[in-house]
């Protein structure tokens, strides 16, 4: 077991620096949530990570535990403590950012999501893709599964090459099939955004979403010089990583590579902290306020993205899912957001290790960023107890 220095101090100090009355939460039950997270790390579920919870403008939990780097003897790097400021690649936990970017364009009347992608990107219509709409991509029902492109992580930095390969790729399934797109979701929507606005997606996100919202520490990729400072991602399950029914060979090599971490991977390569992710969901719960006192999105537009739009058994991951536009939704039965009745919750997982979400029933914004990956089904056993315990901690 690896313990981060200052861990005991942070737990003891929490009662003195958190206004539990203002947050409307029970102090003892919140402490139990922190204890659950720490116990998971101590038992080896993940090497290190962060847990952040916000409610009513109060930072209720701001916990960091374990190690960020140095788990493997062959890493060539010393062990590093996982601090609250430690940045990680949160992978697909960034998909909601892309969804909100499309929502901004839809709210402004700059895009019609019911139109084919090819209306904005003509060459996309090649190879039997002419009828695929922007909404199909948002809901992972395009039928595309870019298996060969997804695996070629050494080419991720060449945006034009990736777009050319997408143009020539035929759908793997009939249009309308629910098949989660790990990389294609962000690539396709990112190219559409660039063709509509003339801005690369990372610039559009910064200028038109993050800056007006007052959100920070959410980036698509980092310079090569910053890669060694990021938390490393580890596969810590006994069974090998699987996706689409196939073993993901070289998982750790790809996830921690300079090529992948420096590339612009919309919806699959966001670099952030749990603090920043929780703040993003708090912003959504607050109705997308902007620095000028307005709202970035109308309530009716935002609702289309954070409420259920489609559901079914996914052909890629092989599990039942409920989706909004860029967001994964909860349901009645056990879910990573909680053991029962999480249908109002919206958020997204990243790799098999990170989860961030909003719980509108309680007003909690939650982010758990860890660097330990296990089988997808284990996301429920890892996070559901935390989500349900937080609900019980809300006393008004």
Protein backbone atom coordinates (compact mmCIF):
# COMPACT_ATOMS: atom_id res chain seq x y z
CA UNK A 1 0.00 0.00 0.00
CA UNK A 2 1.27 3.47 -0.88
CA UNK A 3 0.05 6.38 1.21
CA UNK A 4 0.34 9.97 0.07
CA UNK A 5 2.02 12.33 2.50
CA UNK A 6 -0.44 14.68 4.17
CA UNK A 7 -3.34 12.28 3.67
CA UNK A 8 -4.25 12.08 7.35
CA UNK A 9 -3.98 15.85 7.69
CA UNK A 10 -6.32 16.43 4.73
CA UNK A 11 -9.00 14.17 6.20
CA UNK A 12 -8.80 15.79 9.63
CA UNK A 13 -8.80 19.31 8.24
CA UNK A 14 -11.83 18.71 6.03
CA UNK A 15 -14.28 19.34 8.89
CA UNK A 16 -12.74 22.73 9.56
CA UNK A 17 -12.51 24.04 6.00
CA UNK A 18 -15.85 22.81 4.63
CA UNK A 19 -19.09 24.65 5.35
CA UNK A 20 -21.24 21.54 5.68
CA UNK A 21 -24.31 23.55 6.69
CA UNK A 22 -24.12 25.65 3.54
CA UNK A 23 -23.54 22.53 1.42
CA UNK A 24 -26.48 20.80 3.14
CA UNK A 25 -24.45 17.65 3.82
CA UNK A 26 -23.79 15.50 6.85
CA UNK A 27 -20.15 15.73 7.93
CA UNK A 28 -19.83 12.18 9.22
CA UNK A 29 -21.38 10.65 6.11
CA UNK A 30 -19.14 12.74 3.86
CA UNK A 31 -16.14 11.44 5.83
CA UNK A 32 -17.39 7.91 5.18
CA UNK A 33 -17.35 8.62 1.42
CA UNK A 34 -13.72 9.74 1.67
CA UNK A 35 -12.95 6.59 3.65
CA UNK A 36 -14.49 4.41 0.90
CA UNK A 37 -12.29 6.04 -1.72
CA UNK A 38 -9.17 5.69 0.41
CA UNK A 39 -9.95 2.06 1.22
CA UNK A 40 -10.21 1.25 -2.48
CA UNK A 41 -6.74 2.65 -3.07
CA UNK A 42 -5.35 0.84 -0.03
CA UNK A 43 -6.73 -2.49 -1.28
CA UNK A 44 -5.12 -2.06 -4.73
CA UNK A 45 -8.15 -1.11 -6.82
CA UNK A 46 -6.10 1.78 -8.21
CA UNK A 47 -2.56 3.08 -7.56
CA UNK A 48 -3.65 6.67 -7.02
CA UNK A 49 -6.32 9.22 -7.74
CA UNK A 50 -8.49 12.18 -6.82
CA UNK A 51 -12.06 12.48 -5.59
CA UNK A 52 -13.81 15.86 -5.74
CA UNK A 53 -17.41 16.67 -4.83
CA UNK A 54 -19.08 20.06 -5.11
CA UNK A 55 -22.55 21.07 -3.91
CA UNK A 56 -24.18 24.49 -3.75
CA UNK A 57 -20.93 26.19 -4.62
CA UNK A 58 -19.07 24.42 -1.81
CA UNK A 59 -16.01 22.23 -2.38
CA UNK A 60 -17.14 19.40 -0.10
CA UNK A 61 -14.48 16.76 -0.90
CA UNK A 62 -11.04 17.46 -2.36
CA UNK A 63 -9.14 14.23 -1.80
CA UNK A 64 -5.96 12.84 -3.36
CA UNK A 65 -4.33 9.55 -2.44
CA UNK A 66 -1.65 7.17 -3.66
CA UNK A 67 0.87 7.49 -6.48
CA UNK A 68 0.63 9.13 -9.88
CA UNK A 69 3.73 7.58 -11.45
CA UNK A 70 6.35 4.96 -10.69
CA UNK A 71 4.24 1.83 -10.17
CA UNK A 72 6.20 -0.23 -12.70
CA UNK A 73 9.89 -0.94 -12.15
CA UNK A 74 10.64 -0.36 -15.84
CA UNK A 75 9.07 3.12 -16.05
CA UNK A 76 12.37 4.88 -15.57
CA UNK A 77 10.71 7.45 -13.31
CA UNK A 78 10.58 7.80 -9.51
CA UNK A 79 7.35 7.39 -7.61
CA UNK A 80 5.33 10.59 -7.47
CA UNK A 81 2.54 11.48 -5.07
CA UNK A 82 -0.98 11.96 -6.43
CA UNK A 83 -1.84 15.50 -5.31
CA UNK A 84 -5.08 17.46 -5.86
CA UNK A 85 -3.25 19.48 -8.54
CA UNK A 86 -1.93 16.42 -10.40
CA UNK A 87 -3.11 16.39 -14.01
CA UNK A 88 -4.16 13.21 -15.80
CA UNK A 89 -5.43 12.27 -19.21
CA UNK A 90 -9.07 11.51 -18.49
CA UNK A 91 -9.67 10.03 -21.94
CA UNK A 92 -13.38 9.65 -22.78
CA UNK A 93 -14.47 11.64 -19.74
CA UNK A 94 -13.91 14.54 -22.14
CA UNK A 95 -16.67 13.47 -24.55
CA UNK A 96 -19.24 15.75 -22.85
CA UNK A 97 -17.05 18.74 -23.76
CA UNK A 98 -17.43 17.87 -27.42
CA UNK A 99 -21.16 17.40 -26.95
CA UNK A 100 -21.45 20.85 -25.36
CA UNK A 101 -19.41 22.37 -28.21
CA UNK A 102 -21.99 21.02 -30.68
CA UNK A 103 -24.77 22.26 -28.39
CA UNK A 104 -23.33 25.79 -28.57
CA UNK A 105 -23.46 25.66 -32.37
CA UNK A 106 -26.98 24.22 -32.32
CA UNK A 107 -28.15 26.89 -29.89
CA UNK A 108 -26.78 29.56 -32.24
CA UNK A 109 -28.46 28.00 -35.29
CA UNK A 110 -25.09 27.25 -36.88
CA UNK A 111 -25.71 23.50 -37.18
CA UNK A 112 -28.65 21.22 -37.79
CA UNK A 113 -27.80 17.91 -36.13
CA UNK A 114 -30.42 16.11 -38.21
CA UNK A 115 -28.49 16.90 -41.39
CA UNK A 116 -25.90 14.45 -42.75
CA UNK A 117 -22.30 14.94 -41.66
CA UNK A 118 -21.52 15.16 -45.37
CA UNK A 119 -23.49 18.42 -45.58
CA UNK A 120 -20.64 20.00 -43.61
CA UNK A 121 -17.82 17.65 -44.63
CA UNK A 122 -18.57 16.43 -48.17
CA UNK A 123 -15.86 13.76 -48.43
CA UNK A 124 -17.18 12.10 -45.29
CA UNK A 125 -20.07 10.83 -47.42
CA UNK A 126 -17.78 8.43 -49.28
CA UNK A 127 -17.77 4.67 -48.58
CA UNK A 128 -21.52 4.35 -47.85
CA UNK A 129 -21.64 7.11 -45.22
CA UNK A 130 -23.72 9.72 -47.07
CA UNK A 131 -26.80 9.26 -44.86
CA UNK A 132 -25.06 9.36 -41.47
CA UNK A 133 -26.20 12.44 -39.57
CA UNK A 134 -24.50 14.56 -36.94
CA UNK A 135 -27.08 13.25 -34.47
CA UNK A 136 -26.14 9.67 -35.36
CA UNK A 137 -22.56 10.44 -34.35
CA UNK A 138 -23.65 12.22 -31.15
CA UNK A 139 -25.68 9.16 -30.15
CA UNK A 140 -23.10 6.56 -31.27
CA UNK A 141 -25.58 5.21 -33.84
CA UNK A 142 -23.64 5.96 -37.02
CA UNK A 143 -22.64 2.32 -37.49
CA UNK A 144 -18.99 3.32 -37.64
CA UNK A 145 -16.35 1.53 -35.63
CA UNK A 146 -12.91 2.76 -36.63
CA UNK A 147 -11.05 -0.23 -35.24
CA UNK A 148 -7.91 0.04 -37.40
CA UNK A 149 -7.60 3.82 -37.00
CA UNK A 150 -8.21 3.61 -33.23
CA UNK A 151 -5.35 1.15 -32.85
CA UNK A 152 -2.83 3.21 -34.82
CA UNK A 153 -1.94 5.54 -31.95
CA UNK A 154 1.39 6.49 -33.49
CA UNK A 155 -0.56 8.38 -36.19
CA UNK A 156 -2.90 10.26 -33.85
CA UNK A 157 -0.93 13.49 -34.20
CA UNK A 158 -1.58 13.72 -37.94
CA UNK A 159 -5.12 15.13 -38.04
CA UNK A 160 -5.34 15.31 -41.85
CA UNK A 161 -4.24 11.69 -42.20
CA UNK A 162 -6.84 10.53 -39.69
CA UNK A 163 -9.59 12.49 -41.48
CA UNK A 164 -8.57 11.00 -44.82
CA UNK A 165 -8.74 7.50 -43.37
CA UNK A 166 -12.18 8.19 -41.89
CA UNK A 167 -13.41 9.38 -45.29
CA UNK A 168 -12.46 6.05 -46.88
CA UNK A 169 -13.80 3.82 -44.07
CA UNK A 170 -17.12 2.01 -44.48
CA UNK A 171 -19.50 1.52 -41.54
CA UNK A 172 -19.00 -1.67 -39.57
CA UNK A 173 -22.72 -1.92 -38.73
CA UNK A 174 -25.97 -0.67 -40.28
CA UNK A 175 -26.77 2.94 -39.53
CA UNK A 176 -28.80 3.10 -36.32
CA UNK A 177 -26.81 0.35 -34.58
CA UNK A 178 -25.71 1.36 -31.10
CA UNK A 179 -21.93 0.99 -31.32
CA UNK A 180 -19.83 3.21 -29.07
CA UNK A 181 -17.07 5.10 -30.89
CA UNK A 182 -14.02 5.51 -28.63
CA UNK A 183 -12.18 7.85 -30.98
CA UNK A 184 -14.45 8.47 -33.97
CA UNK A 185 -17.00 10.43 -31.93
CA UNK A 186 -14.56 13.27 -31.25
CA UNK A 187 -12.68 13.11 -34.54
CA UNK A 188 -15.82 13.41 -36.66
CA UNK A 189 -17.50 16.08 -34.58
CA UNK A 190 -14.22 17.96 -34.24
CA UNK A 191 -13.86 18.13 -38.01
CA UNK A 192 -17.46 19.28 -38.38
CA UNK A 193 -16.85 22.07 -35.86
CA UNK A 194 -13.75 23.19 -37.73
CA UNK A 195 -15.56 23.28 -41.07
CA UNK A 196 -18.43 25.32 -39.63
CA UNK A 197 -16.42 27.78 -37.54
CA UNK A 198 -13.01 27.86 -39.20
CA UNK A 199 -11.48 27.05 -35.80
CA UNK A 200 -9.80 23.83 -34.75
CA UNK A 201 -11.82 22.19 -32.02
CA UNK A 202 -9.34 22.92 -29.26
CA UNK A 203 -9.49 26.63 -30.13
CA UNK A 204 -13.28 26.62 -30.40
CA UNK A 205 -13.58 24.94 -27.00
CA UNK A 206 -11.26 27.48 -25.41
CA UNK A 207 -12.76 30.58 -27.05
CA UNK A 208 -16.44 29.70 -27.21
CA UNK A 209 -17.04 27.32 -24.31
CA UNK A 210 -14.40 27.28 -21.58
CA UNK A 211 -13.48 30.97 -21.46
CA UNK A 212 -17.07 32.30 -21.40
CA UNK A 213 -17.91 29.68 -18.77
CA UNK A 214 -14.92 30.55 -16.62
CA UNK A 215 -13.70 26.95 -16.73
CA UNK A 216 -10.01 26.08 -16.56
CA UNK A 217 -7.65 23.09 -16.64
CA UNK A 218 -9.49 21.25 -19.41
CA UNK A 219 -7.16 20.77 -22.38
CA UNK A 220 -6.95 18.60 -25.46
CA UNK A 221 -3.43 17.20 -25.30
CA UNK A 222 -0.25 18.72 -23.89
CA UNK A 223 3.20 19.66 -25.24
CA UNK A 224 5.71 16.80 -25.22
CA UNK A 225 7.63 18.53 -22.44
CA UNK A 226 4.64 18.12 -20.10
CA UNK A 227 3.98 14.42 -20.73
CA UNK A 228 6.36 13.20 -17.97
CA UNK A 229 4.45 15.27 -15.40
CA UNK A 230 1.09 13.60 -16.12
CA UNK A 231 -0.20 10.71 -14.05
CA UNK A 232 0.44 7.40 -15.78
CA UNK A 233 -2.40 5.06 -16.69
CA UNK A 234 -2.13 1.41 -15.59
CA UNK A 235 -3.99 -1.80 -16.34
CA UNK A 236 -4.34 -3.46 -12.92
CA UNK A 237 -6.91 -6.20 -13.57
CA UNK A 238 -6.01 -9.88 -13.69
CA UNK A 239 -7.69 -10.28 -17.08
CA UNK A 240 -6.37 -8.45 -20.16
CA UNK A 241 -8.15 -5.32 -21.45
CA UNK A 242 -10.89 -6.04 -23.99
CA UNK A 243 -12.84 -3.81 -26.36
CA UNK A 244 -15.12 -4.90 -29.16
CA UNK A 245 -14.49 -8.53 -28.23
CA UNK A 246 -10.75 -8.23 -28.83
CA UNK A 247 -7.76 -7.92 -26.51
CA UNK A 248 -6.29 -4.40 -26.44
CA UNK A 249 -2.63 -5.24 -27.00
CA UNK A 250 -0.13 -2.70 -25.69
CA UNK A 251 -2.70 -0.86 -23.58
CA UNK A 252 -0.27 0.88 -21.22
CA UNK A 253 2.20 1.69 -23.97
CA UNK A 254 -0.48 3.45 -26.02
CA UNK A 255 -2.23 5.23 -23.15
CA UNK A 256 1.03 6.71 -21.86
CA UNK A 257 2.69 7.42 -25.21
CA UNK A 258 3.91 10.85 -26.23
CA UNK A 259 2.11 10.36 -29.55
CA UNK A 260 -1.27 9.94 -27.89
CA UNK A 261 -0.89 12.44 -25.06
CA UNK A 262 0.27 15.26 -27.35
CA UNK A 263 -2.35 14.65 -30.04
CA UNK A 264 -5.63 16.55 -30.29
CA UNK A 265 -8.12 13.79 -29.49
CA UNK A 266 -11.54 15.38 -28.98
CA UNK A 267 -13.54 13.23 -26.60
CA UNK A 268 -10.67 10.83 -25.94
CA UNK A 269 -7.66 12.88 -24.87
CA UNK A 270 -8.72 15.57 -22.42
CA UNK A 271 -6.10 16.42 -19.80
CA UNK A 272 -7.59 17.60 -16.55
CA UNK A 273 -7.98 17.20 -12.79
CA UNK A 274 -10.91 16.00 -10.71
CA UNK A 275 -11.31 19.58 -9.51
CA UNK A 276 -11.82 20.86 -13.06
CA UNK A 277 -14.20 18.05 -14.03
CA UNK A 278 -16.36 18.59 -10.95
CA UNK A 279 -16.44 22.31 -11.66
CA UNK A 280 -17.62 21.56 -15.23
CA UNK A 281 -20.56 19.53 -13.92
CA UNK A 282 -21.38 22.16 -11.32
CA UNK A 283 -21.50 24.67 -14.18
CA UNK A 284 -23.97 22.45 -16.05
CA UNK A 285 -26.13 22.02 -12.95
CA UNK A 286 -26.14 25.81 -12.55
CA UNK A 287 -27.50 26.22 -16.09
CA UNK A 288 -24.27 27.16 -17.96
CA UNK A 289 -23.76 30.68 -16.55
CA UNK A 290 -21.27 32.99 -18.28
CA UNK A 291 -19.01 35.74 -17.00
CA UNK A 292 -21.30 38.43 -18.44
CA UNK A 293 -24.27 37.23 -16.40
CA UNK A 294 -25.98 35.34 -19.20
CA UNK A 295 -26.27 31.65 -20.10
CA UNK A 296 -24.17 29.88 -22.68
CA UNK A 297 -27.03 27.52 -23.56
CA UNK A 298 -30.78 27.79 -23.39
CA UNK A 299 -32.35 25.32 -21.01
CA UNK A 300 -34.20 23.58 -23.83
CA UNK A 301 -30.99 23.06 -25.79
CA UNK A 302 -29.03 21.72 -22.82
CA UNK A 303 -31.85 19.31 -21.98
CA UNK A 304 -31.41 17.54 -25.33
CA UNK A 305 -27.85 16.67 -24.37
CA UNK A 306 -28.23 15.62 -20.74
CA UNK A 307 -31.46 13.62 -20.87
CA UNK A 308 -31.93 10.13 -22.39
CA UNK A 309 -32.01 10.12 -26.19
CA UNK A 310 -31.23 6.47 -26.93
CA UNK A 311 -30.63 3.20 -25.13
CA UNK A 312 -29.76 -0.43 -25.78
CA UNK A 313 -26.97 -2.98 -25.62
CA UNK A 314 -23.83 -1.50 -27.11
CA UNK A 315 -22.04 -3.51 -29.82
CA UNK A 316 -18.59 -2.19 -28.97
CA UNK A 317 -18.33 -2.46 -25.18
CA UNK A 318 -20.99 -5.16 -24.92
CA UNK A 319 -23.01 -3.65 -22.07
CA UNK A 320 -26.43 -1.92 -21.85
CA UNK A 321 -26.17 1.88 -21.92
CA UNK A 322 -28.41 4.95 -21.92
CA UNK A 323 -27.10 7.98 -23.78
CA UNK A 324 -27.76 11.66 -24.21
CA UNK A 325 -25.81 13.66 -26.77
CA UNK A 326 -22.23 13.16 -25.66
CA UNK A 327 -23.29 12.10 -22.15
CA UNK A 328 -23.89 8.71 -20.55
CA UNK A 329 -27.07 8.60 -18.45
CA UNK A 330 -28.03 6.56 -15.42
CA UNK A 331 -31.04 4.27 -15.01
CA UNK A 332 -33.16 2.45 -12.41
CA UNK A 333 -30.75 -0.46 -11.84
CA UNK A 334 -27.15 -0.54 -10.49
CA UNK A 335 -24.96 1.90 -12.40
CA UNK A 336 -21.56 3.53 -11.78
CA UNK A 337 -23.46 6.66 -10.63
CA UNK A 338 -25.15 4.76 -7.79
CA UNK A 339 -26.85 1.51 -6.83
CA UNK A 340 -30.41 2.56 -7.69
CA UNK A 341 -32.48 5.23 -9.44
CA UNK A 342 -29.77 7.27 -11.14
CA UNK A 343 -31.87 8.07 -14.22
CA UNK A 344 -31.45 11.83 -13.79
CA UNK A 345 -27.63 11.61 -13.60
CA UNK A 346 -25.44 12.48 -16.57
CA UNK A 347 -21.70 12.28 -17.10
CA UNK A 348 -19.09 10.00 -18.65
CA UNK A 349 -16.36 7.52 -17.82
CA UNK A 350 -12.79 7.82 -19.05
CA UNK A 351 -10.91 4.67 -20.01
CA UNK A 352 -11.83 2.14 -17.30
CA UNK A 353 -10.60 4.26 -14.40
CA UNK A 354 -12.25 7.68 -14.28
CA UNK A 355 -15.83 8.84 -13.81
CA UNK A 356 -17.34 12.33 -13.59
CA UNK A 357 -21.03 13.15 -13.36
CA UNK A 358 -23.80 15.44 -12.18
CA UNK A 359 -26.59 14.24 -9.91
CA UNK A 360 -29.51 16.69 -10.42
CA UNK A 361 -31.56 14.97 -7.71
CA UNK A 362 -29.08 16.18 -5.07
CA UNK A 363 -27.21 18.94 -6.89
CA UNK A 364 -23.88 17.15 -6.45
CA UNK A 365 -21.11 17.44 -9.05
CA UNK A 366 -18.69 14.54 -8.68
CA UNK A 367 -15.37 13.56 -10.26
CA UNK A 368 -13.21 10.53 -9.46
CA UNK A 369 -9.98 10.48 -11.45
CA UNK A 370 -7.78 7.42 -10.92
CA UNK A 371 -4.97 5.73 -12.83
CA UNK A 372 -6.03 2.12 -12.31
CA UNK A 373 -7.98 0.46 -15.13
CA UNK A 374 -10.08 -2.67 -14.76
CA UNK A 375 -12.77 -4.45 -16.78
CA UNK A 376 -15.66 -2.13 -17.80
CA UNK A 377 -18.22 -4.03 -15.71
CA UNK A 378 -16.18 -3.25 -12.59
CA UNK A 379 -16.94 0.46 -12.94
CA UNK A 380 -20.20 -0.30 -11.13
CA UNK A 381 -18.60 -1.97 -8.14
CA UNK A 382 -15.96 0.77 -7.92
CA UNK A 383 -18.12 3.86 -8.11
CA UNK A 384 -21.75 2.98 -7.31
CA UNK A 385 -21.10 2.88 -3.57
CA UNK A 386 -19.56 6.33 -3.67
CA UNK A 387 -22.49 7.82 -5.61
CA UNK A 388 -25.10 6.25 -3.32
CA UNK A 389 -23.20 7.24 -0.17
CA UNK A 390 -23.08 10.84 -1.36
CA UNK A 391 -26.85 10.83 -1.82
CA UNK A 392 -27.29 9.69 1.77
CA UNK A 393 -24.93 12.44 2.92
CA UNK A 394 -27.23 15.13 1.50
CA UNK A 395 -29.53 16.18 4.33
CA UNK A 396 -31.60 18.88 2.58
